[in-house]
Structure formats: structure tokens, C-alpha cells
């Protein structure tokens, strides 16, 4: 299994339509527990709901920094990205010094 999604109902069902398995969660603590259990399943990329992840931001970032794999990517929900969050493009530009 390469991809796994953890998020709200809309996100999990949407990715499920293209064959990506996932788990519906409603709180940050549920998300943390699910990330821990998915790590055991040899998943390479975990996509998580940005709004739910924001409720446990410090714990998620600490967990991500301790892991080599899987890669954890935060995806905005159907309401759009959180305000004041840099896009992936902006983060890359600031880290390498030029736009791709």
C-alpha cells in the first residue's frame, strides 16, 4: 500500500473513489492514533486533513520529525486552506531560494 488518507468523511470518501484507502476521524487525538497504527502497514504517504491536524499541531510536527517514513502531507478540506498557512510552493521557494 503506497497511500493512505486520514480525515473527515468528504476527504476519505473522495480519495476512496480513486482507490486510496482511508479512515474517517473527527478529532486530532483520533488522527494521532490512526497515524501511529498506519505506520505499521508499510504506507509510504499519509494524507491528513489540515484542519483536524491543526488541532494537534505540536504533536503532529513532533511525530513527523521523528519519522523517516511515511511522508505525512496535510491537505486542505473542502472549505479551503487555513489562513496564514504557506503553500507547498511557497515553502519550497523559501527553502531553495527560487520558484519552480
PDB file of N, CA and C in Angstrom:
ATOM      1  N   UNK A   1       0.847  -1.168   0.000  1.00  0.00           N
ATOM      2  CA  UNK A   1       0.000   0.000   0.000  1.00  0.00           C
ATOM      3  C   UNK A   1       0.899   1.240   0.000  1.00  0.00           C
ATOM      4  N   UNK A   2       0.666   2.142  -0.925  1.00  0.00           N
ATOM      5  CA  UNK A   2       1.506   3.325  -1.038  1.00  0.00           C
ATOM      6  C   UNK A   2       0.901   4.557  -0.372  1.00  0.00           C
ATOM      7  N   UNK A   3      -0.406   4.742  -0.511  1.00  0.00           N
ATOM      8  CA  UNK A   3      -1.078   5.931   0.002  1.00  0.00           C
ATOM      9  C   UNK A   3      -2.144   5.554   1.021  1.00  0.00           C
ATOM     10  N   UNK A   4      -2.393   6.478   1.946  1.00  0.00           N
ATOM     11  CA  UNK A   4      -3.471   6.303   2.925  1.00  0.00           C
ATOM     12  C   UNK A   4      -3.957   7.693   3.296  1.00  0.00           C
ATOM     13  N   UNK A   5      -5.248   7.850   3.483  1.00  0.00           N
ATOM     14  CA  UNK A   5      -5.816   9.152   3.827  1.00  0.00           C
ATOM     15  C   UNK A   5      -6.512   9.082   5.184  1.00  0.00           C
ATOM     16  N   UNK A   6      -6.306  10.109   5.998  1.00  0.00           N
ATOM     17  CA  UNK A   6      -6.943  10.215   7.311  1.00  0.00           C
ATOM     18  C   UNK A   6      -7.579  11.593   7.378  1.00  0.00           C
ATOM     19  N   UNK A   7      -8.894  11.628   7.524  1.00  0.00           N
ATOM     20  CA  UNK A   7      -9.552  12.934   7.546  1.00  0.00           C
ATOM     21  C   UNK A   7     -11.036  12.838   7.767  1.00  0.00           C
ATOM     22  N   UNK A   8     -11.732  13.898   7.357  1.00  0.00           N
ATOM     23  CA  UNK A   8     -13.181  13.925   7.516  1.00  0.00           C
ATOM     24  C   UNK A   8     -13.838  13.025   6.466  1.00  0.00           C
ATOM     25  N   UNK A   9     -15.141  12.897   6.580  1.00  0.00           N
ATOM     26  CA  UNK A   9     -15.884  11.989   5.711  1.00  0.00           C
ATOM     27  C   UNK A   9     -15.721  12.341   4.233  1.00  0.00           C
ATOM     28  N   UNK A  10     -15.807  13.616   3.895  1.00  0.00           N
ATOM     29  CA  UNK A  10     -15.706  14.031   2.492  1.00  0.00           C
ATOM     30  C   UNK A  10     -14.339  13.684   1.902  1.00  0.00           C
ATOM     31  N   UNK A  11     -13.315  13.925   2.657  1.00  0.00           N
ATOM     32  CA  UNK A  11     -11.956  13.664   2.183  1.00  0.00           C
ATOM     33  C   UNK A  11     -11.715  12.168   1.971  1.00  0.00           C
ATOM     34  N   UNK A  12     -12.083  11.371   2.948  1.00  0.00           N
ATOM     35  CA  UNK A  12     -11.850   9.925   2.862  1.00  0.00           C
ATOM     36  C   UNK A  12     -12.683   9.304   1.743  1.00  0.00           C
ATOM     37  N   UNK A  13     -13.936   9.711   1.626  1.00  0.00           N
ATOM     38  CA  UNK A  13     -14.778   9.164   0.559  1.00  0.00           C
ATOM     39  C   UNK A  13     -14.289   9.617  -0.815  1.00  0.00           C
ATOM     40  N   UNK A  14     -13.849  10.862  -0.939  1.00  0.00           N
ATOM     41  CA  UNK A  14     -13.339  11.369  -2.214  1.00  0.00           C
ATOM     42  C   UNK A  14     -12.111  10.605  -2.684  1.00  0.00           C
ATOM     43  N   UNK A  15     -11.159  10.419  -1.804  1.00  0.00           N
ATOM     44  CA  UNK A  15      -9.965   9.662  -2.184  1.00  0.00           C
ATOM     45  C   UNK A  15     -10.296   8.186  -2.383  1.00  0.00           C
ATOM     46  N   UNK A  16     -11.297   7.702  -1.667  1.00  0.00           N
ATOM     47  CA  UNK A  16     -11.727   6.320  -1.849  1.00  0.00           C
ATOM     48  C   UNK A  16     -12.239   6.056  -3.257  1.00  0.00           C
ATOM     49  N   UNK A  17     -12.807   7.079  -3.892  1.00  0.00           N
ATOM     50  CA  UNK A  17     -13.311   6.926  -5.260  1.00  0.00           C
ATOM     51  C   UNK A  17     -12.201   6.614  -6.260  1.00  0.00           C
ATOM     52  N   UNK A  18     -10.980   6.995  -5.946  1.00  0.00           N
ATOM     53  CA  UNK A  18      -9.858   6.679  -6.835  1.00  0.00           C
ATOM     54  C   UNK A  18      -9.003   5.540  -6.283  1.00  0.00           C
ATOM     55  N   UNK A  19      -9.549   4.829  -5.302  1.00  0.00           N
ATOM     56  CA  UNK A  19      -8.897   3.623  -4.810  1.00  0.00           C
ATOM     57  C   UNK A  19      -7.923   3.793  -3.664  1.00  0.00           C
ATOM     58  N   UNK A  20      -7.909   4.965  -3.038  1.00  0.00           N
ATOM     59  CA  UNK A  20      -6.999   5.181  -1.910  1.00  0.00           C
ATOM     60  C   UNK A  20      -7.747   4.897  -0.616  1.00  0.00           C
ATOM     61  N   UNK A  21      -7.274   3.945   0.179  1.00  0.00           N
ATOM     62  CA  UNK A  21      -7.959   3.615   1.427  1.00  0.00           C
ATOM     63  C   UNK A  21      -7.763   4.715   2.465  1.00  0.00           C
ATOM     64  N   UNK A  22      -8.651   4.721   3.453  1.00  0.00           N
ATOM     65  CA  UNK A  22      -8.523   5.731   4.493  1.00  0.00           C
ATOM     66  C   UNK A  22      -9.407   5.466   5.683  1.00  0.00           C
ATOM     67  N   UNK A  23      -9.284   6.349   6.655  1.00  0.00           N
ATOM     68  CA  UNK A  23     -10.058   6.266   7.884  1.00  0.00           C
ATOM     69  C   UNK A  23     -10.651   7.632   8.187  1.00  0.00           C
ATOM     70  N   UNK A  24     -11.923   7.637   8.552  1.00  0.00           N
ATOM     71  CA  UNK A  24     -12.610   8.870   8.934  1.00  0.00           C
ATOM     72  C   UNK A  24     -12.352   9.132  10.411  1.00  0.00           C
ATOM     73  N   UNK A  25     -11.888  10.354  10.717  1.00  0.00           N
ATOM     74  CA  UNK A  25     -11.678  10.767  12.102  1.00  0.00           C
ATOM     75  C   UNK A  25     -12.346  12.120  12.307  1.00  0.00           C
ATOM     76  N   UNK A  26     -12.644  12.427  13.566  1.00  0.00           N
ATOM     77  CA  UNK A  26     -13.290  13.711  13.852  1.00  0.00           C
ATOM     78  C   UNK A  26     -12.512  14.561  14.844  1.00  0.00           C
ATOM     79  N   UNK A  27     -11.389  14.042  15.337  1.00  0.00           N
ATOM     80  CA  UNK A  27     -10.599  14.820  16.298  1.00  0.00           C
ATOM     81  C   UNK A  27      -9.111  14.605  16.047  1.00  0.00           C
ATOM     82  N   UNK A  28      -8.331  15.518  16.570  1.00  0.00           N
ATOM     83  CA  UNK A  28      -6.886  15.412  16.435  1.00  0.00           C
ATOM     84  C   UNK A  28      -6.317  14.191  17.128  1.00  0.00           C
ATOM     85  N   UNK A  29      -6.870  13.860  18.291  1.00  0.00           N
ATOM     86  CA  UNK A  29      -6.376  12.684  19.016  1.00  0.00           C
ATOM     87  C   UNK A  29      -6.648  11.396  18.248  1.00  0.00           C
ATOM     88  N   UNK A  30      -7.830  11.313  17.617  1.00  0.00           N
ATOM     89  CA  UNK A  30      -8.120  10.149  16.778  1.00  0.00           C
ATOM     90  C   UNK A  30      -7.131  10.082  15.613  1.00  0.00           C
ATOM     91  N   UNK A  31      -6.810  11.247  15.047  1.00  0.00           N
ATOM     92  CA  UNK A  31      -5.871  11.293  13.931  1.00  0.00           C
ATOM     93  C   UNK A  31      -4.489  10.792  14.357  1.00  0.00           C
ATOM     94  N   UNK A  32      -4.014  11.234  15.509  1.00  0.00           N
ATOM     95  CA  UNK A  32      -2.708  10.780  16.008  1.00  0.00           C
ATOM     96  C   UNK A  32      -2.680   9.271  16.195  1.00  0.00           C
ATOM     97  N   UNK A  33      -3.742   8.728  16.797  1.00  0.00           N
ATOM     98  CA  UNK A  33      -3.823   7.277  16.999  1.00  0.00           C
ATOM     99  C   UNK A  33      -3.806   6.539  15.666  1.00  0.00           C
ATOM    100  N   UNK A  34      -4.531   7.072  14.688  1.00  0.00           N
ATOM    101  CA  UNK A  34      -4.607   6.420  13.384  1.00  0.00           C
ATOM    102  C   UNK A  34      -3.265   6.495  12.650  1.00  0.00           C
ATOM    103  N   UNK A  35      -2.576   7.617  12.746  1.00  0.00           N
ATOM    104  CA  UNK A  35      -1.251   7.726  12.121  1.00  0.00           C
ATOM    105  C   UNK A  35      -0.324   6.667  12.704  1.00  0.00           C
ATOM    106  N   UNK A  36      -0.352   6.511  14.016  1.00  0.00           N
ATOM    107  CA  UNK A  36       0.503   5.507  14.668  1.00  0.00           C
ATOM    108  C   UNK A  36       0.191   4.102  14.166  1.00  0.00           C
ATOM    109  N   UNK A  37      -1.089   3.791  13.968  1.00  0.00           N
ATOM    110  CA  UNK A  37      -1.440   2.444  13.505  1.00  0.00           C
ATOM    111  C   UNK A  37      -1.126   2.249  12.021  1.00  0.00           C
ATOM    112  N   UNK A  38      -1.226   3.306  11.227  1.00  0.00           N
ATOM    113  CA  UNK A  38      -0.955   3.196   9.789  1.00  0.00           C
ATOM    114  C   UNK A  38       0.539   3.027   9.519  1.00  0.00           C
ATOM    115  N   UNK A  39       1.380   3.574  10.378  1.00  0.00           N
ATOM    116  CA  UNK A  39       2.832   3.436  10.211  1.00  0.00           C
ATOM    117  C   UNK A  39       3.221   1.963  10.129  1.00  0.00           C
ATOM    118  N   UNK A  40       2.518   1.122  10.855  1.00  0.00           N
ATOM    119  CA  UNK A  40       2.802  -0.319  10.877  1.00  0.00           C
ATOM    120  C   UNK A  40       2.449  -1.016   9.558  1.00  0.00           C
ATOM    121  N   UNK A  41       1.648  -0.368   8.700  1.00  0.00           N
ATOM    122  CA  UNK A  41       1.122  -1.017   7.494  1.00  0.00           C
ATOM    123  C   UNK A  41       1.974  -0.795   6.245  1.00  0.00           C
ATOM    124  N   UNK A  42       3.202  -0.307   6.397  1.00  0.00           N
ATOM    125  CA  UNK A  42       4.096  -0.103   5.261  1.00  0.00           C
ATOM    126  C   UNK A  42       3.549   0.900   4.242  1.00  0.00           C
ATOM    127  N   UNK A  43       2.875   1.937   4.731  1.00  0.00           N
ATOM    128  CA  UNK A  43       2.364   3.009   3.882  1.00  0.00           C
ATOM    129  C   UNK A  43       3.502   3.987   3.626  1.00  0.00           C
ATOM    130  N   UNK A  44       3.577   4.503   2.398  1.00  0.00           N
ATOM    131  CA  UNK A  44       4.651   5.430   2.058  1.00  0.00           C
ATOM    132  C   UNK A  44       4.242   6.893   2.218  1.00  0.00           C
ATOM    133  N   UNK A  45       2.980   7.215   1.926  1.00  0.00           N
ATOM    134  CA  UNK A  45       2.488   8.592   2.036  1.00  0.00           C
ATOM    135  C   UNK A  45       1.144   8.588   2.752  1.00  0.00           C
ATOM    136  N   UNK A  46       1.054   9.376   3.825  1.00  0.00           N
ATOM    137  CA  UNK A  46      -0.204   9.545   4.556  1.00  0.00           C
ATOM    138  C   UNK A  46      -0.688  10.965   4.303  1.00  0.00           C
ATOM    139  N   UNK A  47      -1.896  11.090   3.795  1.00  0.00           N
ATOM    140  CA  UNK A  47      -2.504  12.401   3.577  1.00  0.00           C
ATOM    141  C   UNK A  47      -3.495  12.649   4.707  1.00  0.00           C
ATOM    142  N   UNK A  48      -3.348  13.787   5.387  1.00  0.00           N
ATOM    143  CA  UNK A  48      -4.216  14.092   6.523  1.00  0.00           C
ATOM    144  C   UNK A  48      -4.946  15.406   6.299  1.00  0.00           C
ATOM    145  N   UNK A  49      -6.098  15.527   6.930  1.00  0.00           N
ATOM    146  CA  UNK A  49      -6.909  16.738   6.861  1.00  0.00           C
ATOM    147  C   UNK A  49      -6.216  17.861   7.626  1.00  0.00           C
ATOM    148  N   UNK A  50      -5.994  18.970   6.950  1.00  0.00           N
ATOM    149  CA  UNK A  50      -5.255  20.092   7.529  1.00  0.00           C
ATOM    150  C   UNK A  50      -5.942  20.680   8.765  1.00  0.00           C
ATOM    151  N   UNK A  51      -7.265  20.823   8.733  1.00  0.00           N
ATOM    152  CA  UNK A  51      -7.976  21.431   9.868  1.00  0.00           C
ATOM    153  C   UNK A  51      -7.932  20.547  11.110  1.00  0.00           C
ATOM    154  N   UNK A  52      -8.099  19.254  10.918  1.00  0.00           N
ATOM    155  CA  UNK A  52      -8.046  18.349  12.071  1.00  0.00           C
ATOM    156  C   UNK A  52      -6.618  18.287  12.605  1.00  0.00           C
ATOM    157  N   UNK A  53      -5.643  18.237  11.711  1.00  0.00           N
ATOM    158  CA  UNK A  53      -4.240  18.200  12.137  1.00  0.00           C
ATOM    159  C   UNK A  53      -3.859  19.469  12.893  1.00  0.00           C
ATOM    160  N   UNK A  54      -4.462  20.588  12.538  1.00  0.00           N
ATOM    161  CA  UNK A  54      -4.135  21.856  13.191  1.00  0.00           C
ATOM    162  C   UNK A  54      -4.495  21.843  14.674  1.00  0.00           C
ATOM    163  N   UNK A  55      -5.475  21.032  15.051  1.00  0.00           N
ATOM    164  CA  UNK A  55      -5.887  20.982  16.462  1.00  0.00           C
ATOM    165  C   UNK A  55      -4.846  20.296  17.349  1.00  0.00           C
ATOM    166  N   UNK A  56      -3.937  19.542  16.742  1.00  0.00           N
ATOM    167  CA  UNK A  56      -2.851  18.887  17.487  1.00  0.00           C
ATOM    168  C   UNK A  56      -1.509  19.162  16.797  1.00  0.00           C
ATOM    169  N   UNK A  57      -1.354  20.385  16.331  1.00  0.00           N
ATOM    170  CA  UNK A  57      -0.198  20.785  15.519  1.00  0.00           C
ATOM    171  C   UNK A  57       1.145  20.380  16.132  1.00  0.00           C
ATOM    172  N   UNK A  58       1.370  20.705  17.397  1.00  0.00           N
ATOM    173  CA  UNK A  58       2.666  20.407  18.025  1.00  0.00           C
ATOM    174  C   UNK A  58       2.955  18.910  18.057  1.00  0.00           C
ATOM    175  N   UNK A  59       1.944  18.121  18.397  1.00  0.00           N
ATOM    176  CA  UNK A  59       2.137  16.667  18.473  1.00  0.00           C
ATOM    177  C   UNK A  59       2.413  16.075  17.094  1.00  0.00           C
ATOM    178  N   UNK A  60       1.689  16.553  16.080  1.00  0.00           N
ATOM    179  CA  UNK A  60       1.886  16.046  14.715  1.00  0.00           C
ATOM    180  C   UNK A  60       3.294  16.391  14.227  1.00  0.00           C
ATOM    181  N   UNK A  61       3.716  17.633  14.430  1.00  0.00           N
ATOM    182  CA  UNK A  61       5.048  18.035  13.964  1.00  0.00           C
ATOM    183  C   UNK A  61       6.147  17.261  14.678  1.00  0.00           C
ATOM    184  N   UNK A  62       5.985  17.028  15.977  1.00  0.00           N
ATOM    185  CA  UNK A  62       6.963  16.232  16.722  1.00  0.00           C
ATOM    186  C   UNK A  62       7.035  14.814  16.163  1.00  0.00           C
ATOM    187  N   UNK A  63       5.876  14.225  15.886  1.00  0.00           N
ATOM    188  CA  UNK A  63       5.820  12.871  15.343  1.00  0.00           C
ATOM    189  C   UNK A  63       6.483  12.820  13.963  1.00  0.00           C
ATOM    190  N   UNK A  64       6.189  13.795  13.116  1.00  0.00           N
ATOM    191  CA  UNK A  64       6.734  13.815  11.756  1.00  0.00           C
ATOM    192  C   UNK A  64       8.255  13.942  11.778  1.00  0.00           C
ATOM    193  N   UNK A  65       8.777  14.777  12.668  1.00  0.00           N
ATOM    194  CA  UNK A  65      10.224  14.985  12.730  1.00  0.00           C
ATOM    195  C   UNK A  65      10.981  13.739  13.184  1.00  0.00           C
ATOM    196  N   UNK A  66      10.326  12.858  13.910  1.00  0.00           N
ATOM    197  CA  UNK A  66      10.973  11.640  14.400  1.00  0.00           C
ATOM    198  C   UNK A  66      10.956  10.508  13.377  1.00  0.00           C
ATOM    199  N   UNK A  67      10.162  10.639  12.309  1.00  0.00           N
ATOM    200  CA  UNK A  67       9.991   9.553  11.343  1.00  0.00           C
ATOM    201  C   UNK A  67      10.750   9.831  10.050  1.00  0.00           C
ATOM    202  N   UNK A  68      11.327   8.779   9.465  1.00  0.00           N
ATOM    203  CA  UNK A  68      11.856   8.879   8.111  1.00  0.00           C
ATOM    204  C   UNK A  68      10.734   8.617   7.116  1.00  0.00           C
ATOM    205  N   UNK A  69       9.960   7.606   7.385  1.00  0.00           N
ATOM    206  CA  UNK A  69       8.810   7.234   6.566  1.00  0.00           C
ATOM    207  C   UNK A  69       7.677   6.889   7.485  1.00  0.00           C
ATOM    208  N   UNK A  70       6.479   7.070   7.091  1.00  0.00           N
ATOM    209  CA  UNK A  70       5.982   7.610   5.838  1.00  0.00           C
ATOM    210  C   UNK A  70       6.024   9.134   5.813  1.00  0.00           C
ATOM    211  N   UNK A  71       5.857   9.665   4.623  1.00  0.00           N
ATOM    212  CA  UNK A  71       5.729  11.104   4.437  1.00  0.00           C
ATOM    213  C   UNK A  71       4.297  11.486   4.813  1.00  0.00           C
ATOM    214  N   UNK A  72       4.130  12.505   5.638  1.00  0.00           N
ATOM    215  CA  UNK A  72       2.796  12.961   6.036  1.00  0.00           C
ATOM    216  C   UNK A  72       2.536  14.302   5.362  1.00  0.00           C
ATOM    217  N   UNK A  73       1.463  14.356   4.571  1.00  0.00           N
ATOM    218  CA  UNK A  73       1.104  15.563   3.828  1.00  0.00           C
ATOM    219  C   UNK A  73      -0.242  16.069   4.330  1.00  0.00           C
ATOM    220  N   UNK A  74      -0.304  17.349   4.662  1.00  0.00           N
ATOM    221  CA  UNK A  74      -1.565  17.953   5.083  1.00  0.00           C
ATOM    222  C   UNK A  74      -2.280  18.514   3.863  1.00  0.00           C
ATOM    223  N   UNK A  75      -3.559  18.169   3.741  1.00  0.00           N
ATOM    224  CA  UNK A  75      -4.363  18.598   2.606  1.00  0.00           C
ATOM    225  C   UNK A  75      -5.538  19.418   3.122  1.00  0.00           C
ATOM    226  N   UNK A  76      -5.803  20.584   2.507  1.00  0.00           N
ATOM    227  CA  UNK A  76      -6.956  21.384   2.929  1.00  0.00           C
ATOM    228  C   UNK A  76      -8.257  20.619   2.723  1.00  0.00           C
ATOM    229  N   UNK A  77      -9.243  20.916   3.555  1.00  0.00           N
ATOM    230  CA  UNK A  77     -10.546  20.283   3.380  1.00  0.00           C
ATOM    231  C   UNK A  77     -11.355  21.046   2.335  1.00  0.00           C
ATOM    232  N   UNK A  78     -12.630  20.715   2.201  1.00  0.00           N
ATOM    233  CA  UNK A  78     -13.460  21.320   1.162  1.00  0.00           C
ATOM    234  C   UNK A  78     -13.701  22.810   1.382  1.00  0.00           C
ATOM    235  N   UNK A  79     -13.378  23.325   2.566  1.00  0.00           N
ATOM    236  CA  UNK A  79     -13.536  24.752   2.841  1.00  0.00           C
ATOM    237  C   UNK A  79     -12.308  25.560   2.444  1.00  0.00           C
ATOM    238  N   UNK A  80     -11.281  24.905   1.953  1.00  0.00           N
ATOM    239  CA  UNK A  80     -10.073  25.594   1.516  1.00  0.00           C
ATOM    240  C   UNK A  80      -8.983  25.564   2.570  1.00  0.00           C
ATOM    241  N   UNK A  81      -7.823  26.103   2.220  1.00  0.00           N
ATOM    242  CA  UNK A  81      -6.691  26.076   3.151  1.00  0.00           C
ATOM    243  C   UNK A  81      -6.913  26.992   4.348  1.00  0.00           C
ATOM    244  N   UNK A  82      -6.217  26.686   5.418  1.00  0.00           N
ATOM    245  CA  UNK A  82      -6.265  27.536   6.603  1.00  0.00           C
ATOM    246  C   UNK A  82      -5.607  28.875   6.284  1.00  0.00           C
ATOM    247  N   UNK A  83      -6.127  29.958   6.858  1.00  0.00           N
ATOM    248  CA  UNK A  83      -5.492  31.254   6.619  1.00  0.00           C
ATOM    249  C   UNK A  83      -4.084  31.275   7.219  1.00  0.00           C
ATOM    250  N   UNK A  84      -3.214  32.032   6.605  1.00  0.00           N
ATOM    251  CA  UNK A  84      -1.834  32.211   7.072  1.00  0.00           C
ATOM    252  C   UNK A  84      -0.981  30.950   6.987  1.00  0.00           C
ATOM    253  N   UNK A  85      -1.416  29.949   6.227  1.00  0.00           N
ATOM    254  CA  UNK A  85      -0.587  28.758   6.006  1.00  0.00           C
ATOM    255  C   UNK A  85       0.113  28.922   4.673  1.00  0.00           C
ATOM    256  N   UNK A  86       1.406  28.675   4.644  1.00  0.00           N
ATOM    257  CA  UNK A  86       2.146  28.765   3.392  1.00  0.00           C
ATOM    258  C   UNK A  86       1.844  27.543   2.534  1.00  0.00           C
ATOM    259  N   UNK A  87       1.750  27.777   1.234  1.00  0.00           N
ATOM    260  CA  UNK A  87       1.544  26.667   0.308  1.00  0.00           C
ATOM    261  C   UNK A  87       2.860  25.909   0.142  1.00  0.00           C
ATOM    262  N   UNK A  88       2.775  24.721  -0.411  1.00  0.00           N
ATOM    263  CA  UNK A  88       3.973  23.923  -0.665  1.00  0.00           C
ATOM    264  C   UNK A  88       4.929  24.682  -1.580  1.00  0.00           C
ATOM    265  N   UNK A  89       4.376  25.356  -2.563  1.00  0.00           N
ATOM    266  CA  UNK A  89       5.201  26.152  -3.489  1.00  0.00           C
ATOM    267  C   UNK A  89       5.968  27.245  -2.739  1.00  0.00           C
ATOM    268  N   UNK A  90       5.297  27.935  -1.813  1.00  0.00           N
ATOM    269  CA  UNK A  90       5.956  28.990  -1.029  1.00  0.00           C
ATOM    270  C   UNK A  90       7.043  28.415  -0.120  1.00  0.00           C
ATOM    271  N   UNK A  91       6.769  27.259   0.484  1.00  0.00           N
ATOM    272  CA  UNK A  91       7.774  26.623   1.339  1.00  0.00           C
ATOM    273  C   UNK A  91       9.009  26.223   0.542  1.00  0.00           C
ATOM    274  N   UNK A  92       8.797  25.655  -0.644  1.00  0.00           N
ATOM    275  CA  UNK A  92       9.925  25.278  -1.498  1.00  0.00           C
ATOM    276  C   UNK A  92      10.728  26.503  -1.917  1.00  0.00           C
ATOM    277  N   UNK A  93      10.014  27.570  -2.287  1.00  0.00           N
ATOM    278  CA  UNK A  93      10.699  28.789  -2.716  1.00  0.00           C
ATOM    279  C   UNK A  93      11.566  29.354  -1.595  1.00  0.00           C
ATOM    280  N   UNK A  94      11.035  29.358  -0.374  1.00  0.00           N
ATOM    281  CA  UNK A  94      11.810  29.910   0.737  1.00  0.00           C
ATOM    282  C   UNK A  94      12.989  29.003   1.120  1.00  0.00           C
ATOM    283  N   UNK A  95      12.861  27.700   0.881  1.00  0.00           N
ATOM    284  CA  UNK A  95      13.947  26.796   1.268  1.00  0.00           C
ATOM    285  C   UNK A  95      15.063  26.719   0.224  1.00  0.00           C
ATOM    286  N   UNK A  96      14.709  26.813  -1.073  1.00  0.00           N
ATOM    287  CA  UNK A  96      15.748  26.704  -2.101  1.00  0.00           C
ATOM    288  C   UNK A  96      16.104  28.043  -2.735  1.00  0.00           C
ATOM    289  N   UNK A  97      15.304  29.066  -2.473  1.00  0.00           N
ATOM    290  CA  UNK A  97      15.654  30.406  -2.922  1.00  0.00           C
ATOM    291  C   UNK A  97      15.107  30.842  -4.265  1.00  0.00           C
ATOM    292  N   UNK A  98      14.412  29.953  -4.985  1.00  0.00           N
ATOM    293  CA  UNK A  98      13.802  30.366  -6.246  1.00  0.00           C
ATOM    294  C   UNK A  98      12.553  29.539  -6.501  1.00  0.00           C
ATOM    295  N   UNK A  99      11.716  30.054  -7.381  1.00  0.00           N
ATOM    296  CA  UNK A  99      10.433  29.416  -7.675  1.00  0.00           C
ATOM    297  C   UNK A  99      10.597  28.336  -8.734  1.00  0.00           C
ATOM    298  N   UNK A 100       9.863  27.253  -8.561  1.00  0.00           N
ATOM    299  CA  UNK A 100       9.891  26.169  -9.552  1.00  0.00           C
ATOM    300  C   UNK A 100       8.783  26.357 -10.555  1.00  0.00           C
TER     301      UNK A 100
END
